[in-house]
Amino acid sequence: MRKVVASLEAPAAVGPYSQAIAVGNTLYCAGQIPLDPVSGELVAGGVAEQTERVLENLGGVLRANGMTHADVVKATVFMTDLSQFAEMNAVYQKYFHAPFPARSTMQVAALPRGSRVEIEVIAVGP
């Protein structure tokens, strides 16, 4: 059975998609960009500040389903400039601990709203 998961701690979906869909004990989270959930505006700063906001947004969606970052088994990171990977990774490591989720990171030509980073995750609960 599919269940829509939504959180006020993350920006509302701005198109025909859900913040997340739970199927059994698995949560499929849509990609989050660094929008402030209150103002709906892109956060100021560089890739580190943007990564922080993205991971906070994802945390809100995870909490809405009774999960945390520790339940994430797969992360996909999209960046507009892989030369900033170390900055993103330094923030990422604050949220994920061993055993780390599997991860793919790729450079893309552009992201919505001029974002520098977008992250989507899959989480599995107990």
PDB file of N, CA and C in Angstrom:
ATOM      1  N   MET A   1       0.840  -1.182   0.000  1.00  0.00           N
ATOM      2  CA  MET A   1       0.000   0.000   0.000  1.00  0.00           C
ATOM      3  C   MET A   1       0.887   1.249   0.000  1.00  0.00           C
ATOM      4  N   ARG A   2       0.542   2.198  -0.855  1.00  0.00           N
ATOM      5  CA  ARG A   2       1.288   3.456  -0.957  1.00  0.00           C
ATOM      6  C   ARG A   2       0.664   4.508  -0.069  1.00  0.00           C
ATOM      7  N   LYS A   3       1.549   5.314   0.562  1.00  0.00           N
ATOM      8  CA  LYS A   3       1.087   6.401   1.423  1.00  0.00           C
ATOM      9  C   LYS A   3       1.892   7.649   1.095  1.00  0.00           C
ATOM     10  N   VAL A   4       1.207   8.761   0.887  1.00  0.00           N
ATOM     11  CA  VAL A   4       1.889  10.037   0.652  1.00  0.00           C
ATOM     12  C   VAL A   4       2.402  10.545   1.991  1.00  0.00           C
ATOM     13  N   VAL A   5       3.662  10.977   2.007  1.00  0.00           N
ATOM     14  CA  VAL A   5       4.271  11.547   3.207  1.00  0.00           C
ATOM     15  C   VAL A   5       4.608  13.000   2.894  1.00  0.00           C
ATOM     16  N   ALA A   6       4.170  13.901   3.775  1.00  0.00           N
ATOM     17  CA  ALA A   6       4.439  15.324   3.588  1.00  0.00           C
ATOM     18  C   ALA A   6       4.815  15.945   4.927  1.00  0.00           C
ATOM     19  N   SER A   7       5.664  16.960   4.874  1.00  0.00           N
ATOM     20  CA  SER A   7       6.139  17.632   6.073  1.00  0.00           C
ATOM     21  C   SER A   7       6.145  19.139   5.866  1.00  0.00           C
ATOM     22  N   LEU A   8       5.741  19.864   6.897  1.00  0.00           N
ATOM     23  CA  LEU A   8       5.855  21.323   6.860  1.00  0.00           C
ATOM     24  C   LEU A   8       7.294  21.770   7.104  1.00  0.00           C
ATOM     25  N   GLU A   9       8.163  20.819   7.504  1.00  0.00           N
ATOM     26  CA  GLU A   9       9.581  21.118   7.734  1.00  0.00           C
ATOM     27  C   GLU A   9      10.387  21.118   6.438  1.00  0.00           C
ATOM     28  N   ALA A  10       9.722  20.893   5.329  1.00  0.00           N
ATOM     29  CA  ALA A  10      10.362  20.908   4.016  1.00  0.00           C
ATOM     30  C   ALA A  10       9.469  21.700   3.081  1.00  0.00           C
ATOM     31  N   PRO A  11      10.041  22.257   2.021  1.00  0.00           N
ATOM     32  CA  PRO A  11       9.225  23.019   1.080  1.00  0.00           C
ATOM     33  C   PRO A  11       8.120  22.153   0.485  1.00  0.00           C
ATOM     34  N   ALA A  12       6.955  22.741   0.296  1.00  0.00           N
ATOM     35  CA  ALA A  12       5.855  22.033  -0.339  1.00  0.00           C
ATOM     36  C   ALA A  12       6.231  21.697  -1.778  1.00  0.00           C
ATOM     37  N   ALA A  13       5.691  20.605  -2.273  1.00  0.00           N
ATOM     38  CA  ALA A  13       5.914  20.234  -3.671  1.00  0.00           C
ATOM     39  C   ALA A  13       5.396  21.356  -4.558  1.00  0.00           C
ATOM     40  N   VAL A  14       6.167  21.713  -5.569  1.00  0.00           N
ATOM     41  CA  VAL A  14       5.792  22.823  -6.452  1.00  0.00           C
ATOM     42  C   VAL A  14       5.342  22.322  -7.821  1.00  0.00           C
ATOM     43  N   GLY A  15       5.055  21.060  -7.908  1.00  0.00           N
ATOM     44  CA  GLY A  15       4.620  20.473  -9.167  1.00  0.00           C
ATOM     45  C   GLY A  15       3.843  19.208  -8.890  1.00  0.00           C
ATOM     46  N   PRO A  16       3.624  18.418  -9.915  1.00  0.00           N
ATOM     47  CA  PRO A  16       2.849  17.187  -9.768  1.00  0.00           C
ATOM     48  C   PRO A  16       3.687  16.037  -9.212  1.00  0.00           C
ATOM     49  N   TYR A  17       4.128  16.205  -7.973  1.00  0.00           N
ATOM     50  CA  TYR A  17       4.891  15.161  -7.284  1.00  0.00           C
ATOM     51  C   TYR A  17       4.658  15.286  -5.789  1.00  0.00           C
ATOM     52  N   SER A  18       5.025  14.250  -5.054  1.00  0.00           N
ATOM     53  CA  SER A  18       4.910  14.229  -3.595  1.00  0.00           C
ATOM     54  C   SER A  18       6.281  14.417  -2.982  1.00  0.00           C
ATOM     55  N   GLN A  19       6.335  14.950  -1.767  1.00  0.00           N
ATOM     56  CA  GLN A  19       7.621  15.036  -1.064  1.00  0.00           C
ATOM     57  C   GLN A  19       8.210  13.648  -0.892  1.00  0.00           C
ATOM     58  N   ALA A  20       7.337  12.684  -0.588  1.00  0.00           N
ATOM     59  CA  ALA A  20       7.791  11.302  -0.430  1.00  0.00           C
ATOM     60  C   ALA A  20       6.602  10.359  -0.538  1.00  0.00           C
ATOM     61  N   ILE A  21       6.911   9.127  -0.879  1.00  0.00           N
ATOM     62  CA  ILE A  21       5.923   8.053  -0.919  1.00  0.00           C
ATOM     63  C   ILE A  21       6.478   6.898  -0.092  1.00  0.00           C
ATOM     64  N   ALA A  22       5.664   6.422   0.844  1.00  0.00           N
ATOM     65  CA  ALA A  22       6.036   5.254   1.648  1.00  0.00           C
ATOM     66  C   ALA A  22       5.332   4.035   1.064  1.00  0.00           C
ATOM     67  N   VAL A  23       6.093   2.976   0.918  1.00  0.00           N
ATOM     68  CA  VAL A  23       5.559   1.687   0.497  1.00  0.00           C
ATOM     69  C   VAL A  23       6.080   0.678   1.511  1.00  0.00           C
ATOM     70  N   GLY A  24       5.193   0.192   2.360  1.00  0.00           N
ATOM     71  CA  GLY A  24       5.645  -0.671   3.453  1.00  0.00           C
ATOM     72  C   GLY A  24       6.577   0.121   4.346  1.00  0.00           C
ATOM     73  N   ASN A  25       7.743  -0.448   4.634  1.00  0.00           N
ATOM     74  CA  ASN A  25       8.703   0.246   5.495  1.00  0.00           C
ATOM     75  C   ASN A  25       9.768   1.001   4.701  1.00  0.00           C
ATOM     76  N   THR A  26       9.523   1.201   3.403  1.00  0.00           N
ATOM     77  CA  THR A  26      10.472   1.920   2.546  1.00  0.00           C
ATOM     78  C   THR A  26       9.894   3.279   2.178  1.00  0.00           C
ATOM     79  N   LEU A  27      10.726   4.310   2.287  1.00  0.00           N
ATOM     80  CA  LEU A  27      10.330   5.676   1.958  1.00  0.00           C
ATOM     81  C   LEU A  27      11.162   6.170   0.785  1.00  0.00           C
ATOM     82  N   TYR A  28      10.486   6.599  -0.258  1.00  0.00           N
ATOM     83  CA  TYR A  28      11.124   7.149  -1.448  1.00  0.00           C
ATOM     84  C   TYR A  28      10.933   8.660  -1.410  1.00  0.00           C
ATOM     85  N   CYS A  29      12.011   9.396  -1.163  1.00  0.00           N
ATOM     86  CA  CYS A  29      11.932  10.856  -1.033  1.00  0.00           C
ATOM     87  C   CYS A  29      12.280  11.533  -2.354  1.00  0.00           C
ATOM     88  N   ALA A  30      11.458  12.484  -2.740  1.00  0.00           N
ATOM     89  CA  ALA A  30      11.756  13.302  -3.914  1.00  0.00           C
ATOM     90  C   ALA A  30      13.014  14.116  -3.635  1.00  0.00           C
ATOM     91  N   GLY A  31      13.682  14.525  -4.686  1.00  0.00           N
ATOM     92  CA  GLY A  31      14.846  15.373  -4.513  1.00  0.00           C
ATOM     93  C   GLY A  31      14.485  16.677  -3.833  1.00  0.00           C
ATOM     94  N   GLN A  32      15.339  17.087  -2.916  1.00  0.00           N
ATOM     95  CA  GLN A  32      15.155  18.369  -2.226  1.00  0.00           C
ATOM     96  C   GLN A  32      16.243  19.326  -2.701  1.00  0.00           C
ATOM     97  N   ILE A  33      15.834  20.554  -2.944  1.00  0.00           N
ATOM     98  CA  ILE A  33      16.789  21.624  -3.216  1.00  0.00           C
ATOM     99  C   ILE A  33      16.778  22.551  -2.003  1.00  0.00           C
ATOM    100  N   PRO A  34      17.728  23.466  -1.917  1.00  0.00           N
ATOM    101  CA  PRO A  34      17.871  24.282  -0.703  1.00  0.00           C
ATOM    102  C   PRO A  34      16.889  25.442  -0.585  1.00  0.00           C
ATOM    103  N   LEU A  35      15.607  25.104  -0.568  1.00  0.00           N
ATOM    104  CA  LEU A  35      14.591  26.129  -0.342  1.00  0.00           C
ATOM    105  C   LEU A  35      14.255  26.174   1.132  1.00  0.00           C
ATOM    106  N   ASP A  36      14.151  27.372   1.671  1.00  0.00           N
ATOM    107  CA  ASP A  36      13.692  27.543   3.039  1.00  0.00           C
ATOM    108  C   ASP A  36      12.220  27.145   3.071  1.00  0.00           C
ATOM    109  N   PRO A  37      11.830  26.237   3.981  1.00  0.00           N
ATOM    110  CA  PRO A  37      10.437  25.785   3.975  1.00  0.00           C
ATOM    111  C   PRO A  37       9.429  26.857   4.376  1.00  0.00           C
ATOM    112  N   VAL A  38       9.857  27.901   5.052  1.00  0.00           N
ATOM    113  CA  VAL A  38       8.941  28.966   5.467  1.00  0.00           C
ATOM    114  C   VAL A  38       8.777  29.997   4.350  1.00  0.00           C
ATOM    115  N   SER A  39       9.909  30.496   3.843  1.00  0.00           N
ATOM    116  CA  SER A  39       9.841  31.565   2.833  1.00  0.00           C
ATOM    117  C   SER A  39       9.684  31.029   1.417  1.00  0.00           C
ATOM    118  N   GLY A  40      10.112  29.796   1.192  1.00  0.00           N
ATOM    119  CA  GLY A  40      10.084  29.237  -0.158  1.00  0.00           C
ATOM    120  C   GLY A  40      11.207  29.754  -1.031  1.00  0.00           C
ATOM    121  N   GLU A  41      12.127  30.499  -0.430  1.00  0.00           N
ATOM    122  CA  GLU A  41      13.241  31.083  -1.177  1.00  0.00           C
ATOM    123  C   GLU A  41      14.498  30.231  -1.058  1.00  0.00           C
ATOM    124  N   LEU A  42      15.352  30.305  -2.065  1.00  0.00           N
ATOM    125  CA  LEU A  42      16.645  29.629  -2.056  1.00  0.00           C
ATOM    126  C   LEU A  42      17.509  30.229  -0.950  1.00  0.00           C
ATOM    127  N   VAL A  43      18.157  29.402  -0.146  1.00  0.00           N
ATOM    128  CA  VAL A  43      19.003  29.920   0.931  1.00  0.00           C
ATOM    129  C   VAL A  43      20.232  30.613   0.359  1.00  0.00           C
ATOM    130  N   ALA A  44      20.704  31.610   1.084  1.00  0.00           N
ATOM    131  CA  ALA A  44      21.897  32.334   0.681  1.00  0.00           C
ATOM    132  C   ALA A  44      23.129  31.481   0.980  1.00  0.00           C
ATOM    133  N   GLY A  45      24.203  31.760   0.279  1.00  0.00           N
ATOM    134  CA  GLY A  45      25.457  31.082   0.553  1.00  0.00           C
ATOM    135  C   GLY A  45      25.870  30.150  -0.569  1.00  0.00           C
ATOM    136  N   GLY A  46      26.926  29.419  -0.273  1.00  0.00           N
ATOM    137  CA  GLY A  46      27.497  28.516  -1.259  1.00  0.00           C
ATOM    138  C   GLY A  46      26.975  27.099  -1.125  1.00  0.00           C
ATOM    139  N   VAL A  47      27.735  26.176  -1.678  1.00  0.00           N
ATOM    140  CA  VAL A  47      27.295  24.783  -1.713  1.00  0.00           C
ATOM    141  C   VAL A  47      27.191  24.186  -0.307  1.00  0.00           C
ATOM    142  N   ALA A  48      28.021  24.611   0.633  1.00  0.00           N
ATOM    143  CA  ALA A  48      27.936  24.086   2.008  1.00  0.00           C
ATOM    144  C   ALA A  48      26.612  24.484   2.648  1.00  0.00           C
ATOM    145  N   GLU A  49      26.258  25.751   2.557  1.00  0.00           N
ATOM    146  CA  GLU A  49      25.001  26.223   3.136  1.00  0.00           C
ATOM    147  C   GLU A  49      23.798  25.575   2.442  1.00  0.00           C
ATOM    148  N   GLN A  50      23.911  25.407   1.140  1.00  0.00           N
ATOM    149  CA  GLN A  50      22.820  24.783   0.404  1.00  0.00           C
ATOM    150  C   GLN A  50      22.671  23.308   0.763  1.00  0.00           C
ATOM    151  N   THR A  51      23.788  22.610   0.920  1.00  0.00           N
ATOM    152  CA  THR A  51      23.734  21.195   1.307  1.00  0.00           C
ATOM    153  C   THR A  51      23.108  21.057   2.687  1.00  0.00           C
ATOM    154  N   GLU A  52      23.466  21.935   3.603  1.00  0.00           N
ATOM    155  CA  GLU A  52      22.886  21.923   4.950  1.00  0.00           C
ATOM    156  C   GLU A  52      21.359  22.048   4.882  1.00  0.00           C
ATOM    157  N   ARG A  53      20.865  22.993   4.101  1.00  0.00           N
ATOM    158  CA  ARG A  53      19.422  23.190   3.992  1.00  0.00           C
ATOM    159  C   ARG A  53      18.742  21.978   3.358  1.00  0.00           C
ATOM    160  N   VAL A  54      19.355  21.428   2.317  1.00  0.00           N
ATOM    161  CA  VAL A  54      18.805  20.244   1.657  1.00  0.00           C
ATOM    162  C   VAL A  54      18.674  19.094   2.653  1.00  0.00           C
ATOM    163  N   LEU A  55      19.714  18.858   3.446  1.00  0.00           N
ATOM    164  CA  LEU A  55      19.683  17.736   4.387  1.00  0.00           C
ATOM    165  C   LEU A  55      18.730  17.999   5.545  1.00  0.00           C
ATOM    166  N   GLU A  56      18.545  19.253   5.923  1.00  0.00           N
ATOM    167  CA  GLU A  56      17.531  19.594   6.925  1.00  0.00           C
ATOM    168  C   GLU A  56      16.131  19.347   6.354  1.00  0.00           C
ATOM    169  N   ASN A  57      15.918  19.747   5.097  1.00  0.00           N
ATOM    170  CA  ASN A  57      14.631  19.501   4.451  1.00  0.00           C
ATOM    171  C   ASN A  57      14.337  18.000   4.389  1.00  0.00           C
ATOM    172  N   LEU A  58      15.331  17.222   3.990  1.00  0.00           N
ATOM    173  CA  LEU A  58      15.139  15.772   3.936  1.00  0.00           C
ATOM    174  C   LEU A  58      14.856  15.208   5.325  1.00  0.00           C
ATOM    175  N   GLY A  59      15.514  15.744   6.334  1.00  0.00           N
ATOM    176  CA  GLY A  59      15.264  15.310   7.709  1.00  0.00           C
ATOM    177  C   GLY A  59      13.813  15.525   8.100  1.00  0.00           C
ATOM    178  N   GLY A  60      13.236  16.641   7.683  1.00  0.00           N
ATOM    179  CA  GLY A  60      11.836  16.906   7.975  1.00  0.00           C
ATOM    180  C   GLY A  60      10.913  15.885   7.328  1.00  0.00           C
ATOM    181  N   VAL A  61      11.208  15.526   6.095  1.00  0.00           N
ATOM    182  CA  VAL A  61      10.400  14.526   5.397  1.00  0.00           C
ATOM    183  C   VAL A  61      10.573  13.159   6.067  1.00  0.00           C
ATOM    184  N   LEU A  62      11.792  12.816   6.412  1.00  0.00           N
ATOM    185  CA  LEU A  62      12.031  11.542   7.098  1.00  0.00           C
ATOM    186  C   LEU A  62      11.274  11.492   8.420  1.00  0.00           C
ATOM    187  N   ARG A  63      11.348  12.562   9.213  1.00  0.00           N
ATOM    188  CA  ARG A  63      10.650  12.599  10.504  1.00  0.00           C
ATOM    189  C   ARG A  63       9.141  12.455  10.343  1.00  0.00           C
ATOM    190  N   ALA A  64       8.599  12.985   9.267  1.00  0.00           N
ATOM    191  CA  ALA A  64       7.162  12.873   9.018  1.00  0.00           C
ATOM    192  C   ALA A  64       6.731  11.420   8.857  1.00  0.00           C
ATOM    193  N   ASN A  65       7.690  10.544   8.595  1.00  0.00           N
ATOM    194  CA  ASN A  65       7.393   9.116   8.472  1.00  0.00           C
ATOM    195  C   ASN A  65       8.027   8.330   9.622  1.00  0.00           C
ATOM    196  N   GLY A  66       8.415   9.027  10.697  1.00  0.00           N
ATOM    197  CA  GLY A  66       8.997   8.352  11.851  1.00  0.00           C
ATOM    198  C   GLY A  66      10.404   7.833  11.620  1.00  0.00           C
ATOM    199  N   MET A  67      11.133   8.466  10.719  1.00  0.00           N
ATOM    200  CA  MET A  67      12.488   8.025  10.364  1.00  0.00           C
ATOM    201  C   MET A  67      13.503   9.132  10.634  1.00  0.00           C
ATOM    202  N   THR A  68      14.776   8.774  10.509  1.00  0.00           N
ATOM    203  CA  THR A  68      15.866   9.732  10.622  1.00  0.00           C
ATOM    204  C   THR A  68      16.851   9.483   9.480  1.00  0.00           C
ATOM    205  N   HIS A  69      17.888  10.297   9.424  1.00  0.00           N
ATOM    206  CA  HIS A  69      18.941  10.097   8.419  1.00  0.00           C
ATOM    207  C   HIS A  69      19.589   8.717   8.560  1.00  0.00           C
ATOM    208  N   ALA A  70      19.558   8.146   9.757  1.00  0.00           N
ATOM    209  CA  ALA A  70      20.157   6.814   9.972  1.00  0.00           C
ATOM    210  C   ALA A  70      19.414   5.722   9.216  1.00  0.00           C
ATOM    211  N   ASP A  71      18.177   5.989   8.796  1.00  0.00           N
ATOM    212  CA  ASP A  71      17.399   5.000   8.049  1.00  0.00           C
ATOM    213  C   ASP A  71      17.650   5.053   6.543  1.00  0.00           C
ATOM    214  N   VAL A  72      18.414   6.034   6.090  1.00  0.00           N
ATOM    215  CA  VAL A  72      18.675   6.187   4.661  1.00  0.00           C
ATOM    216  C   VAL A  72      19.627   5.080   4.190  1.00  0.00           C
ATOM    217  N   VAL A  73      19.216   4.399   3.115  1.00  0.00           N
ATOM    218  CA  VAL A  73      20.045   3.328   2.554  1.00  0.00           C
ATOM    219  C   VAL A  73      20.663   3.719   1.217  1.00  0.00           C
ATOM    220  N   LYS A  74      20.095   4.744   0.549  1.00  0.00           N
ATOM    221  CA  LYS A  74      20.607   5.176  -0.745  1.00  0.00           C
ATOM    222  C   LYS A  74      20.388   6.669  -0.887  1.00  0.00           C
ATOM    223  N   ALA A  75      21.413   7.367  -1.308  1.00  0.00           N
ATOM    224  CA  ALA A  75      21.329   8.804  -1.580  1.00  0.00           C
ATOM    225  C   ALA A  75      21.844   9.065  -2.987  1.00  0.00           C
ATOM    226  N   THR A  76      21.189   9.969  -3.670  1.00  0.00           N
ATOM    227  CA  THR A  76      21.667  10.422  -4.972  1.00  0.00           C
ATOM    228  C   THR A  76      21.846  11.931  -4.877  1.00  0.00           C
ATOM    229  N   VAL A  77      23.051  12.382  -5.178  1.00  0.00           N
ATOM    230  CA  VAL A  77      23.412  13.796  -5.076  1.00  0.00           C
ATOM    231  C   VAL A  77      23.624  14.340  -6.480  1.00  0.00           C
ATOM    232  N   PHE A  78      22.962  15.437  -6.774  1.00  0.00           N
ATOM    233  CA  PHE A  78      23.123  16.137  -8.050  1.00  0.00           C
ATOM    234  C   PHE A  78      23.788  17.475  -7.742  1.00  0.00           C
ATOM    235  N   MET A  79      24.858  17.784  -8.455  1.00  0.00           N
ATOM    236  CA  MET A  79      25.574  19.040  -8.251  1.00  0.00           C
ATOM    237  C   MET A  79      25.814  19.710  -9.600  1.00  0.00           C
ATOM    238  N   THR A  80      25.831  21.031  -9.593  1.00  0.00           N
ATOM    239  CA  THR A  80      26.121  21.747 -10.831  1.00  0.00           C
ATOM    240  C   THR A  80      27.616  21.936 -11.046  1.00  0.00           C
ATOM    241  N   ASP A  81      28.424  21.656 -10.018  1.00  0.00           N
ATOM    242  CA  ASP A  81      29.874  21.827 -10.141  1.00  0.00           C
ATOM    243  C   ASP A  81      30.571  20.841  -9.213  1.00  0.00           C
ATOM    244  N   LEU A  82      31.091  19.759  -9.784  1.00  0.00           N
ATOM    245  CA  LEU A  82      31.751  18.734  -8.962  1.00  0.00           C
ATOM    246  C   LEU A  82      33.063  19.214  -8.340  1.00  0.00           C
ATOM    247  N   SER A  83      33.565  20.360  -8.766  1.00  0.00           N
ATOM    248  CA  SER A  83      34.768  20.883  -8.105  1.00  0.00           C
ATOM    249  C   SER A  83      34.446  21.297  -6.666  1.00  0.00           C
ATOM    250  N   GLN A  84      33.145  21.393  -6.327  1.00  0.00           N
ATOM    251  CA  GLN A  84      32.712  21.742  -4.971  1.00  0.00           C
ATOM    252  C   GLN A  84      32.323  20.503  -4.165  1.00  0.00           C
ATOM    253  N   PHE A  85      32.697  19.325  -4.652  1.00  0.00           N
ATOM    254  CA  PHE A  85      32.327  18.065  -4.005  1.00  0.00           C
ATOM    255  C   PHE A  85      32.804  18.008  -2.555  1.00  0.00           C
ATOM    256  N   ALA A  86      34.035  18.421  -2.280  1.00  0.00           N
ATOM    257  CA  ALA A  86      34.574  18.341  -0.916  1.00  0.00           C
ATOM    258  C   ALA A  86      33.742  19.173   0.059  1.00  0.00           C
ATOM    259  N   GLU A  87      33.279  20.340  -0.366  1.00  0.00           N
ATOM    260  CA  GLU A  87      32.441  21.186   0.490  1.00  0.00           C
ATOM    261  C   GLU A  87      31.110  20.502   0.787  1.00  0.00           C
ATOM    262  N   MET A  88      30.490  19.926  -0.239  1.00  0.00           N
ATOM    263  CA  MET A  88      29.234  19.209  -0.048  1.00  0.00           C
ATOM    264  C   MET A  88      29.461  18.021   0.873  1.00  0.00           C
ATOM    265  N   ASN A  89      30.511  17.274   0.630  1.00  0.00           N
ATOM    266  CA  ASN A  89      30.789  16.050   1.382  1.00  0.00           C
ATOM    267  C   ASN A  89      31.059  16.337   2.860  1.00  0.00           C
ATOM    268  N   ALA A  90      31.693  17.455   3.162  1.00  0.00           N
ATOM    269  CA  ALA A  90      31.966  17.815   4.558  1.00  0.00           C
ATOM    270  C   ALA A  90      30.663  18.007   5.328  1.00  0.00           C
ATOM    271  N   VAL A  91      29.671  18.610   4.709  1.00  0.00           N
ATOM    272  CA  VAL A  91      28.368  18.788   5.353  1.00  0.00           C
ATOM    273  C   VAL A  91      27.627  17.458   5.397  1.00  0.00           C
ATOM    274  N   TYR A  92      27.649  16.718   4.313  1.00  0.00           N
ATOM    275  CA  TYR A  92      26.977  15.417   4.211  1.00  0.00           C
ATOM    276  C   TYR A  92      27.411  14.499   5.360  1.00  0.00           C
ATOM    277  N   GLN A  93      28.695  14.511   5.676  1.00  0.00           N
ATOM    278  CA  GLN A  93      29.239  13.639   6.731  1.00  0.00           C
ATOM    279  C   GLN A  93      28.701  13.991   8.118  1.00  0.00           C
ATOM    280  N   LYS A  94      28.163  15.174   8.304  1.00  0.00           N
ATOM    281  CA  LYS A  94      27.562  15.544   9.590  1.00  0.00           C
ATOM    282  C   LYS A  94      26.221  14.845   9.797  1.00  0.00           C
ATOM    283  N   TYR A  95      25.592  14.427   8.713  1.00  0.00           N
ATOM    284  CA  TYR A  95      24.255  13.840   8.775  1.00  0.00           C
ATOM    285  C   TYR A  95      24.234  12.320   8.648  1.00  0.00           C
ATOM    286  N   PHE A  96      25.251  11.759   8.044  1.00  0.00           N
ATOM    287  CA  PHE A  96      25.289  10.315   7.816  1.00  0.00           C
ATOM    288  C   PHE A  96      26.522   9.713   8.461  1.00  0.00           C
ATOM    289  N   HIS A  97      26.296   8.597   9.147  1.00  0.00           N
ATOM    290  CA  HIS A  97      27.376   7.926   9.877  1.00  0.00           C
ATOM    291  C   HIS A  97      27.407   6.451   9.492  1.00  0.00           C
ATOM    292  N   ALA A  98      28.511   5.793   9.789  1.00  0.00           N
ATOM    293  CA  ALA A  98      28.655   4.377   9.445  1.00  0.00           C
ATOM    294  C   ALA A  98      27.563   3.555  10.115  1.00  0.00           C
ATOM    295  N   PRO A  99      27.002   2.593   9.433  1.00  0.00           N
ATOM    296  CA  PRO A  99      27.269   2.262   8.029  1.00  0.00           C
ATOM    297  C   PRO A  99      26.601   3.285   7.105  1.00  0.00           C
ATOM    298  N   PHE A 100      27.415   3.879   6.257  1.00  0.00           N
ATOM    299  CA  PHE A 100      26.936   4.935   5.370  1.00  0.00           C
ATOM    300  C   PHE A 100      25.985   4.381   4.321  1.00  0.00           C
ATOM    301  N   PRO A 101      25.019   5.203   3.884  1.00  0.00           N
ATOM    302  CA  PRO A 101      24.162   4.754   2.784  1.00  0.00           C
ATOM    303  C   PRO A 101      24.971   4.643   1.490  1.00  0.00           C
ATOM    304  N   ALA A 102      24.501   3.814   0.584  1.00  0.00           N
ATOM    305  CA  ALA A 102      25.077   3.817  -0.762  1.00  0.00           C
ATOM    306  C   ALA A 102      24.811   5.204  -1.348  1.00  0.00           C
ATOM    307  N   ARG A 103      25.701   5.654  -2.235  1.00  0.00           N
ATOM    308  CA  ARG A 103      25.532   7.010  -2.766  1.00  0.00           C
ATOM    309  C   ARG A 103      26.051   7.103  -4.185  1.00  0.00           C
ATOM    310  N   SER A 104      25.342   7.868  -4.991  1.00  0.00           N
ATOM    311  CA  SER A 104      25.803   8.258  -6.318  1.00  0.00           C
ATOM    312  C   SER A 104      25.843   9.771  -6.332  1.00  0.00           C
ATOM    313  N   THR A 105      26.854  10.333  -6.984  1.00  0.00           N
ATOM    314  CA  THR A 105      26.952  11.781  -7.119  1.00  0.00           C
ATOM    315  C   THR A 105      27.245  12.080  -8.575  1.00  0.00           C
ATOM    316  N   MET A 106      26.502  13.038  -9.120  1.00  0.00           N
ATOM    317  CA  MET A 106      26.732  13.382 -10.516  1.00  0.00           C
ATOM    318  C   MET A 106      26.612  14.875 -10.737  1.00  0.00           C
ATOM    319  N   GLN A 107      27.346  15.330 -11.737  1.00  0.00           N
ATOM    320  CA  GLN A 107      27.247  16.729 -12.135  1.00  0.00           C
ATOM    321  C   GLN A 107      26.160  16.855 -13.193  1.00  0.00           C
ATOM    322  N   VAL A 108      25.348  17.882 -13.045  1.00  0.00           N
ATOM    323  CA  VAL A 108      24.274  18.158 -14.002  1.00  0.00           C
ATOM    324  C   VAL A 108      24.425  19.577 -14.533  1.00  0.00           C
ATOM    325  N   ALA A 109      23.811  19.849 -15.658  1.00  0.00           N
ATOM    326  CA  ALA A 109      23.940  21.168 -16.277  1.00  0.00           C
ATOM    327  C   ALA A 109      23.263  22.257 -15.456  1.00  0.00           C
ATOM    328  N   ALA A 110      22.130  21.934 -14.849  1.00  0.00           N
ATOM    329  CA  ALA A 110      21.396  22.934 -14.066  1.00  0.00           C
ATOM    330  C   ALA A 110      20.432  22.229 -13.130  1.00  0.00           C
ATOM    331  N   LEU A 111      20.034  22.944 -12.071  1.00  0.00           N
ATOM    332  CA  LEU A 111      19.048  22.458 -11.119  1.00  0.00           C
ATOM    333  C   LEU A 111      17.974  23.524 -10.942  1.00  0.00           C
ATOM    334  N   PRO A 112      16.798  23.145 -10.467  1.00  0.00           N
ATOM    335  CA  PRO A 112      15.724  24.118 -10.300  1.00  0.00           C
ATOM    336  C   PRO A 112      16.124  25.299  -9.425  1.00  0.00           C
ATOM    337  N   ARG A 113      15.613  26.457  -9.786  1.00  0.00           N
ATOM    338  CA  ARG A 113      15.760  27.703  -9.024  1.00  0.00           C
ATOM    339  C   ARG A 113      17.214  28.158  -8.872  1.00  0.00           C
ATOM    340  N   GLY A 114      18.113  27.636  -9.693  1.00  0.00           N
ATOM    341  CA  GLY A 114      19.515  28.032  -9.611  1.00  0.00           C
ATOM    342  C   GLY A 114      20.270  27.364  -8.480  1.00  0.00           C
ATOM    343  N   SER A 115      19.709  26.301  -7.933  1.00  0.00           N
ATOM    344  CA  SER A 115      20.361  25.570  -6.851  1.00  0.00           C
ATOM    345  C   SER A 115      21.687  24.967  -7.314  1.00  0.00           C
ATOM    346  N   ARG A 116      22.605  24.805  -6.376  1.00  0.00           N
ATOM    347  CA  ARG A 116      23.886  24.168  -6.670  1.00  0.00           C
ATOM    348  C   ARG A 116      23.882  22.682  -6.340  1.00  0.00           C
ATOM    349  N   VAL A 117      22.899  22.259  -5.520  1.00  0.00           N
ATOM    350  CA  VAL A 117      22.856  20.863  -5.083  1.00  0.00           C
ATOM    351  C   VAL A 117      21.401  20.428  -4.892  1.00  0.00           C
ATOM    352  N   GLU A 118      21.136  19.176  -5.211  1.00  0.00           N
ATOM    353  CA  GLU A 118      19.855  18.527  -4.954  1.00  0.00           C
ATOM    354  C   GLU A 118      20.171  17.119  -4.494  1.00  0.00           C
ATOM    355  N   ILE A 119      19.436  16.633  -3.497  1.00  0.00           N
ATOM    356  CA  ILE A 119      19.668  15.281  -2.985  1.00  0.00           C
ATOM    357  C   ILE A 119      18.329  14.581  -2.850  1.00  0.00           C
ATOM    358  N   GLU A 120      18.278  13.329  -3.307  1.00  0.00           N
ATOM    359  CA  GLU A 120      17.117  12.472  -3.101  1.00  0.00           C
ATOM    360  C   GLU A 120      17.585  11.238  -2.334  1.00  0.00           C
ATOM    361  N   VAL A 121      16.705  10.661  -1.522  1.00  0.00           N
ATOM    362  CA  VAL A 121      17.091   9.499  -0.717  1.00  0.00           C
ATOM    363  C   VAL A 121      15.992   8.442  -0.718  1.00  0.00           C
ATOM    364  N   ILE A 122      16.421   7.240  -0.399  1.00  0.00           N
ATOM    365  CA  ILE A 122      15.533   6.124  -0.112  1.00  0.00           C
ATOM    366  C   ILE A 122      15.883   5.665   1.286  1.00  0.00           C
ATOM    367  N   ALA A 123      14.873   5.505   2.126  1.00  0.00           N
ATOM    368  CA  ALA A 123      15.093   5.090   3.514  1.00  0.00           C
ATOM    369  C   ALA A 123      14.252   3.846   3.815  1.00  0.00           C
ATOM    370  N   VAL A 124      14.795   2.998   4.686  1.00  0.00           N
ATOM    371  CA  VAL A 124      14.093   1.786   5.090  1.00  0.00           C
ATOM    372  C   VAL A 124      14.038   1.766   6.605  1.00  0.00           C
ATOM    373  N   GLY A 125      12.823   1.684   7.125  1.00  0.00           N
ATOM    374  CA  GLY A 125      12.630   1.684   8.576  1.00  0.00           C
ATOM    375  C   GLY A 125      12.602   0.266   9.136  1.00  0.00           C
ATOM    376  N   PRO A 126      12.542   0.189  10.436  1.00  0.00           N
ATOM    377  CA  PRO A 126      12.529  -1.136  11.084  1.00  0.00           C
ATOM    378  C   PRO A 126      11.251  -1.905  10.794  1.00  0.00           C
TER     379      PRO A 126
END
